[in-house]
């Protein structure tokens, strides 16, 4: 089993926000507080500065980290 941690790419931006939306939906179900959201500009800056990562298992995306 090959696990790889890689920097996110600008082409990952839509998928990153899909993950964020799923996370917020889950938070709303189980907690009283949840993330208020992120701007695409902020996340784009994190990607450009190599501060946004993704974990791949056998070249399939598992999760994004910031």
PDB file of N, CA and C in Angstrom:
ATOM      1  N   UNK A   1       0.858  -1.175   0.000  1.00  0.00           N
ATOM      2  CA  UNK A   1       0.000   0.000   0.000  1.00  0.00           C
ATOM      3  C   UNK A   1       0.899   1.232   0.000  1.00  0.00           C
ATOM      4  N   UNK A   2       0.729   2.092  -1.001  1.00  0.00           N
ATOM      5  CA  UNK A   2       1.560   3.274  -1.144  1.00  0.00           C
ATOM      6  C   UNK A   2       0.775   4.522  -0.737  1.00  0.00           C
ATOM      7  N   UNK A   3       1.274   5.206   0.302  1.00  0.00           N
ATOM      8  CA  UNK A   3       0.673   6.459   0.757  1.00  0.00           C
ATOM      9  C   UNK A   3       1.628   7.589   0.406  1.00  0.00           C
ATOM     10  N   UNK A   4       1.064   8.666  -0.135  1.00  0.00           N
ATOM     11  CA  UNK A   4       1.875   9.799  -0.551  1.00  0.00           C
ATOM     12  C   UNK A   4       1.243  11.081  -0.027  1.00  0.00           C
ATOM     13  N   UNK A   5       2.065  11.977   0.516  1.00  0.00           N
ATOM     14  CA  UNK A   5       1.629  13.319   0.898  1.00  0.00           C
ATOM     15  C   UNK A   5       2.211  14.260  -0.149  1.00  0.00           C
ATOM     16  N   UNK A   6       1.348  15.053  -0.768  1.00  0.00           N
ATOM     17  CA  UNK A   6       1.785  15.953  -1.837  1.00  0.00           C
ATOM     18  C   UNK A   6       1.149  17.320  -1.648  1.00  0.00           C
ATOM     19  N   UNK A   7       1.786  18.328  -2.218  1.00  0.00           N
ATOM     20  CA  UNK A   7       1.189  19.657  -2.203  1.00  0.00           C
ATOM     21  C   UNK A   7      -0.053  19.666  -3.080  1.00  0.00           C
ATOM     22  N   UNK A   8      -1.090  20.345  -2.617  1.00  0.00           N
ATOM     23  CA  UNK A   8      -2.278  20.538  -3.445  1.00  0.00           C
ATOM     24  C   UNK A   8      -1.911  21.414  -4.634  1.00  0.00           C
ATOM     25  N   UNK A   9      -2.671  21.269  -5.703  1.00  0.00           N
ATOM     26  CA  UNK A   9      -2.451  22.029  -6.932  1.00  0.00           C
ATOM     27  C   UNK A   9      -3.676  22.911  -7.197  1.00  0.00           C
ATOM     28  N   UNK A  10      -3.506  23.977  -7.978  1.00  0.00           N
ATOM     29  CA  UNK A  10      -4.664  24.816  -8.303  1.00  0.00           C
ATOM     30  C   UNK A  10      -5.825  24.011  -8.891  1.00  0.00           C
ATOM     31  N   UNK A  11      -5.535  22.957  -9.606  1.00  0.00           N
ATOM     32  CA  UNK A  11      -6.600  22.131 -10.191  1.00  0.00           C
ATOM     33  C   UNK A  11      -7.398  21.371  -9.129  1.00  0.00           C
ATOM     34  N   UNK A  12      -6.907  21.333  -7.877  1.00  0.00           N
ATOM     35  CA  UNK A  12      -7.605  20.658  -6.777  1.00  0.00           C
ATOM     36  C   UNK A  12      -8.644  21.559  -6.098  1.00  0.00           C
ATOM     37  N   UNK A  13      -8.674  22.832  -6.438  1.00  0.00           N
ATOM     38  CA  UNK A  13      -9.465  23.813  -5.699  1.00  0.00           C
ATOM     39  C   UNK A  13     -10.946  23.436  -5.577  1.00  0.00           C
ATOM     40  N   UNK A  14     -11.575  23.032  -6.658  1.00  0.00           N
ATOM     41  CA  UNK A  14     -13.001  22.672  -6.575  1.00  0.00           C
ATOM     42  C   UNK A  14     -13.218  21.471  -5.658  1.00  0.00           C
ATOM     43  N   UNK A  15     -12.338  20.494  -5.731  1.00  0.00           N
ATOM     44  CA  UNK A  15     -12.481  19.319  -4.879  1.00  0.00           C
ATOM     45  C   UNK A  15     -12.231  19.674  -3.404  1.00  0.00           C
ATOM     46  N   UNK A  16     -11.290  20.575  -3.157  1.00  0.00           N
ATOM     47  CA  UNK A  16     -11.036  21.022  -1.785  1.00  0.00           C
ATOM     48  C   UNK A  16     -12.315  21.616  -1.205  1.00  0.00           C
ATOM     49  N   UNK A  17     -13.005  22.448  -1.983  1.00  0.00           N
ATOM     50  CA  UNK A  17     -14.232  23.061  -1.479  1.00  0.00           C
ATOM     51  C   UNK A  17     -15.364  22.054  -1.351  1.00  0.00           C
ATOM     52  N   UNK A  18     -15.368  21.010  -2.161  1.00  0.00           N
ATOM     53  CA  UNK A  18     -16.326  19.916  -1.959  1.00  0.00           C
ATOM     54  C   UNK A  18     -16.087  19.253  -0.608  1.00  0.00           C
ATOM     55  N   UNK A  19     -14.811  19.017  -0.269  1.00  0.00           N
ATOM     56  CA  UNK A  19     -14.474  18.428   1.032  1.00  0.00           C
ATOM     57  C   UNK A  19     -14.887  19.365   2.167  1.00  0.00           C
ATOM     58  N   UNK A  20     -14.613  20.669   2.011  1.00  0.00           N
ATOM     59  CA  UNK A  20     -15.006  21.631   3.045  1.00  0.00           C
ATOM     60  C   UNK A  20     -16.520  21.611   3.261  1.00  0.00           C
ATOM     61  N   UNK A  21     -17.285  21.575   2.188  1.00  0.00           N
ATOM     62  CA  UNK A  21     -18.748  21.557   2.312  1.00  0.00           C
ATOM     63  C   UNK A  21     -19.226  20.297   3.033  1.00  0.00           C
ATOM     64  N   UNK A  22     -18.617  19.152   2.735  1.00  0.00           N
ATOM     65  CA  UNK A  22     -18.976  17.916   3.436  1.00  0.00           C
ATOM     66  C   UNK A  22     -18.619  18.006   4.921  1.00  0.00           C
ATOM     67  N   UNK A  23     -17.467  18.604   5.211  1.00  0.00           N
ATOM     68  CA  UNK A  23     -17.035  18.746   6.607  1.00  0.00           C
ATOM     69  C   UNK A  23     -17.983  19.658   7.380  1.00  0.00           C
ATOM     70  N   UNK A  24     -18.381  20.774   6.790  1.00  0.00           N
ATOM     71  CA  UNK A  24     -19.304  21.701   7.460  1.00  0.00           C
ATOM     72  C   UNK A  24     -20.662  21.032   7.679  1.00  0.00           C
ATOM     73  N   UNK A  25     -21.136  20.297   6.709  1.00  0.00           N
ATOM     74  CA  UNK A  25     -22.417  19.591   6.862  1.00  0.00           C
ATOM     75  C   UNK A  25     -22.341  18.609   8.024  1.00  0.00           C
ATOM     76  N   UNK A  26     -21.235  17.907   8.143  1.00  0.00           N
ATOM     77  CA  UNK A  26     -21.056  16.970   9.267  1.00  0.00           C
ATOM     78  C   UNK A  26     -20.978  17.728  10.590  1.00  0.00           C
ATOM     79  N   UNK A  27     -20.220  18.818  10.631  1.00  0.00           N
ATOM     80  CA  UNK A  27     -20.104  19.612  11.853  1.00  0.00           C
ATOM     81  C   UNK A  27     -21.470  20.107  12.314  1.00  0.00           C
ATOM     82  N   UNK A  28     -22.296  20.533  11.385  1.00  0.00           N
ATOM     83  CA  UNK A  28     -23.631  21.026  11.743  1.00  0.00           C
ATOM     84  C   UNK A  28     -24.488  19.927  12.362  1.00  0.00           C
ATOM     85  N   UNK A  29     -24.249  18.675  11.969  1.00  0.00           N
ATOM     86  CA  UNK A  29     -25.013  17.557  12.525  1.00  0.00           C
ATOM     87  C   UNK A  29     -24.586  17.202  13.942  1.00  0.00           C
ATOM     88  N   UNK A  30     -23.285  17.332  14.230  1.00  0.00           N
ATOM     89  CA  UNK A  30     -22.771  16.785  15.496  1.00  0.00           C
ATOM     90  C   UNK A  30     -22.285  17.834  16.497  1.00  0.00           C
ATOM     91  N   UNK A  31     -22.165  19.093  16.095  1.00  0.00           N
ATOM     92  CA  UNK A  31     -21.664  20.138  16.991  1.00  0.00           C
ATOM     93  C   UNK A  31     -22.567  21.365  16.944  1.00  0.00           C
ATOM     94  N   UNK A  32     -22.399  22.215  17.942  1.00  0.00           N
ATOM     95  CA  UNK A  32     -23.120  23.489  17.953  1.00  0.00           C
ATOM     96  C   UNK A  32     -22.395  24.554  17.136  1.00  0.00           C
ATOM     97  N   UNK A  33     -21.098  24.346  16.888  1.00  0.00           N
ATOM     98  CA  UNK A  33     -20.304  25.318  16.130  1.00  0.00           C
ATOM     99  C   UNK A  33     -19.747  24.629  14.897  1.00  0.00           C
ATOM    100  N   UNK A  34     -19.546  25.401  13.846  1.00  0.00           N
ATOM    101  CA  UNK A  34     -18.993  24.861  12.612  1.00  0.00           C
ATOM    102  C   UNK A  34     -18.179  25.932  11.910  1.00  0.00           C
ATOM    103  N   UNK A  35     -17.372  25.490  10.938  1.00  0.00           N
ATOM    104  CA  UNK A  35     -16.584  26.433  10.161  1.00  0.00           C
ATOM    105  C   UNK A  35     -17.517  27.408   9.465  1.00  0.00           C
ATOM    106  N   UNK A  36     -17.083  28.649   9.348  1.00  0.00           N
ATOM    107  CA  UNK A  36     -17.876  29.679   8.679  1.00  0.00           C
ATOM    108  C   UNK A  36     -17.590  29.748   7.178  1.00  0.00           C
ATOM    109  N   UNK A  37     -16.623  28.978   6.737  1.00  0.00           N
ATOM    110  CA  UNK A  37     -16.298  28.959   5.316  1.00  0.00           C
ATOM    111  C   UNK A  37     -14.939  29.575   5.052  1.00  0.00           C
ATOM    112  N   UNK A  38     -14.458  29.375   3.858  1.00  0.00           N
ATOM    113  CA  UNK A  38     -13.154  29.867   3.437  1.00  0.00           C
ATOM    114  C   UNK A  38     -13.327  30.523   2.070  1.00  0.00           C
ATOM    115  N   UNK A  39     -12.487  31.495   1.799  1.00  0.00           N
ATOM    116  CA  UNK A  39     -12.538  32.115   0.476  1.00  0.00           C
ATOM    117  C   UNK A  39     -11.622  31.334  -0.467  1.00  0.00           C
ATOM    118  N   UNK A  40     -12.018  31.263  -1.723  1.00  0.00           N
ATOM    119  CA  UNK A  40     -11.181  30.576  -2.708  1.00  0.00           C
ATOM    120  C   UNK A  40      -9.855  31.306  -2.874  1.00  0.00           C
ATOM    121  N   UNK A  41      -9.868  32.610  -2.688  1.00  0.00           N
ATOM    122  CA  UNK A  41      -8.626  33.380  -2.790  1.00  0.00           C
ATOM    123  C   UNK A  41      -7.645  32.960  -1.691  1.00  0.00           C
ATOM    124  N   UNK A  42      -8.140  32.812  -0.464  1.00  0.00           N
ATOM    125  CA  UNK A  42      -7.288  32.397   0.655  1.00  0.00           C
ATOM    126  C   UNK A  42      -6.695  31.014   0.394  1.00  0.00           C
ATOM    127  N   UNK A  43      -7.533  30.077  -0.007  1.00  0.00           N
ATOM    128  CA  UNK A  43      -7.057  28.719  -0.267  1.00  0.00           C
ATOM    129  C   UNK A  43      -6.105  28.714  -1.465  1.00  0.00           C
ATOM    130  N   UNK A  44      -6.389  29.509  -2.467  1.00  0.00           N
ATOM    131  CA  UNK A  44      -5.477  29.628  -3.610  1.00  0.00           C
ATOM    132  C   UNK A  44      -4.110  30.132  -3.193  1.00  0.00           C
ATOM    133  N   UNK A  45      -4.087  31.073  -2.259  1.00  0.00           N
ATOM    134  CA  UNK A  45      -2.811  31.576  -1.726  1.00  0.00           C
ATOM    135  C   UNK A  45      -2.076  30.477  -0.976  1.00  0.00           C
ATOM    136  N   UNK A  46      -2.810  29.702  -0.160  1.00  0.00           N
ATOM    137  CA  UNK A  46      -2.181  28.586   0.555  1.00  0.00           C
ATOM    138  C   UNK A  46      -1.577  27.586  -0.422  1.00  0.00           C
ATOM    139  N   UNK A  47      -2.276  27.301  -1.501  1.00  0.00           N
ATOM    140  CA  UNK A  47      -1.757  26.373  -2.514  1.00  0.00           C
ATOM    141  C   UNK A  47      -0.490  26.957  -3.144  1.00  0.00           C
ATOM    142  N   UNK A  48      -0.540  28.217  -3.524  1.00  0.00           N
ATOM    143  CA  UNK A  48       0.606  28.860  -4.171  1.00  0.00           C
ATOM    144  C   UNK A  48       1.826  28.893  -3.254  1.00  0.00           C
ATOM    145  N   UNK A  49       1.587  29.002  -1.936  1.00  0.00           N
ATOM    146  CA  UNK A  49       2.681  29.054  -0.958  1.00  0.00           C
ATOM    147  C   UNK A  49       3.024  27.666  -0.409  1.00  0.00           C
ATOM    148  N   UNK A  50       2.490  26.618  -1.027  1.00  0.00           N
ATOM    149  CA  UNK A  50       2.757  25.226  -0.611  1.00  0.00           C
ATOM    150  C   UNK A  50       2.395  24.979   0.856  1.00  0.00           C
ATOM    151  N   UNK A  51       1.252  25.530   1.286  1.00  0.00           N
ATOM    152  CA  UNK A  51       0.760  25.308   2.652  1.00  0.00           C
ATOM    153  C   UNK A  51      -0.524  24.495   2.668  1.00  0.00           C
ATOM    154  N   UNK A  52      -0.863  23.892   1.573  1.00  0.00           N
ATOM    155  CA  UNK A  52      -2.066  23.059   1.441  1.00  0.00           C
ATOM    156  C   UNK A  52      -1.614  21.711   0.888  1.00  0.00           C
ATOM    157  N   UNK A  53      -2.015  20.625   1.555  1.00  0.00           N
ATOM    158  CA  UNK A  53      -1.538  19.288   1.187  1.00  0.00           C
ATOM    159  C   UNK A  53      -2.698  18.345   0.911  1.00  0.00           C
ATOM    160  N   UNK A  54      -2.370  17.247   0.249  1.00  0.00           N
ATOM    161  CA  UNK A  54      -3.344  16.184   0.045  1.00  0.00           C
ATOM    162  C   UNK A  54      -2.652  14.857   0.340  1.00  0.00           C
ATOM    163  N   UNK A  55      -3.423  13.896   0.813  1.00  0.00           N
ATOM    164  CA  UNK A  55      -2.910  12.564   1.079  1.00  0.00           C
ATOM    165  C   UNK A  55      -3.516  11.628   0.049  1.00  0.00           C
ATOM    166  N   UNK A  56      -2.656  10.891  -0.622  1.00  0.00           N
ATOM    167  CA  UNK A  56      -3.078   9.970  -1.672  1.00  0.00           C
ATOM    168  C   UNK A  56      -2.743   8.545  -1.239  1.00  0.00           C
ATOM    169  N   UNK A  57      -3.664   7.634  -1.475  1.00  0.00           N
ATOM    170  CA  UNK A  57      -3.442   6.218  -1.228  1.00  0.00           C
ATOM    171  C   UNK A  57      -3.525   5.517  -2.569  1.00  0.00           C
ATOM    172  N   UNK A  58      -2.418   4.963  -3.003  1.00  0.00           N
ATOM    173  CA  UNK A  58      -2.350   4.299  -4.310  1.00  0.00           C
ATOM    174  C   UNK A  58      -2.891   5.225  -5.402  1.00  0.00           C
ATOM    175  N   UNK A  59      -2.487   6.500  -5.324  1.00  0.00           N
ATOM    176  CA  UNK A  59      -2.817   7.549  -6.278  1.00  0.00           C
ATOM    177  C   UNK A  59      -4.294   7.958  -6.252  1.00  0.00           C
ATOM    178  N   UNK A  60      -5.037   7.566  -5.209  1.00  0.00           N
ATOM    179  CA  UNK A  60      -6.416   8.013  -5.045  1.00  0.00           C
ATOM    180  C   UNK A  60      -6.470   8.954  -3.851  1.00  0.00           C
ATOM    181  N   UNK A  61      -7.158  10.072  -4.010  1.00  0.00           N
ATOM    182  CA  UNK A  61      -7.213  11.085  -2.973  1.00  0.00           C
ATOM    183  C   UNK A  61      -7.943  10.590  -1.741  1.00  0.00           C
ATOM    184  N   UNK A  62      -7.330  10.807  -0.564  1.00  0.00           N
ATOM    185  CA  UNK A  62      -7.982  10.473   0.703  1.00  0.00           C
ATOM    186  C   UNK A  62      -8.472  11.731   1.419  1.00  0.00           C
ATOM    187  N   UNK A  63      -7.620  12.757   1.505  1.00  0.00           N
ATOM    188  CA  UNK A  63      -7.969  13.923   2.307  1.00  0.00           C
ATOM    189  C   UNK A  63      -7.075  15.099   1.912  1.00  0.00           C
ATOM    190  N   UNK A  64      -7.549  16.323   2.198  1.00  0.00           N
ATOM    191  CA  UNK A  64      -6.757  17.531   2.067  1.00  0.00           C
ATOM    192  C   UNK A  64      -6.420  18.027   3.467  1.00  0.00           C
ATOM    193  N   UNK A  65      -5.236  18.594   3.638  1.00  0.00           N
ATOM    194  CA  UNK A  65      -4.797  19.143   4.923  1.00  0.00           C
ATOM    195  C   UNK A  65      -4.331  20.569   4.721  1.00  0.00           C
ATOM    196  N   UNK A  66      -4.581  21.375   5.738  1.00  0.00           N
ATOM    197  CA  UNK A  66      -4.056  22.740   5.674  1.00  0.00           C
ATOM    198  C   UNK A  66      -3.375  23.069   6.961  1.00  0.00           C
TER     199      UNK A  66
END
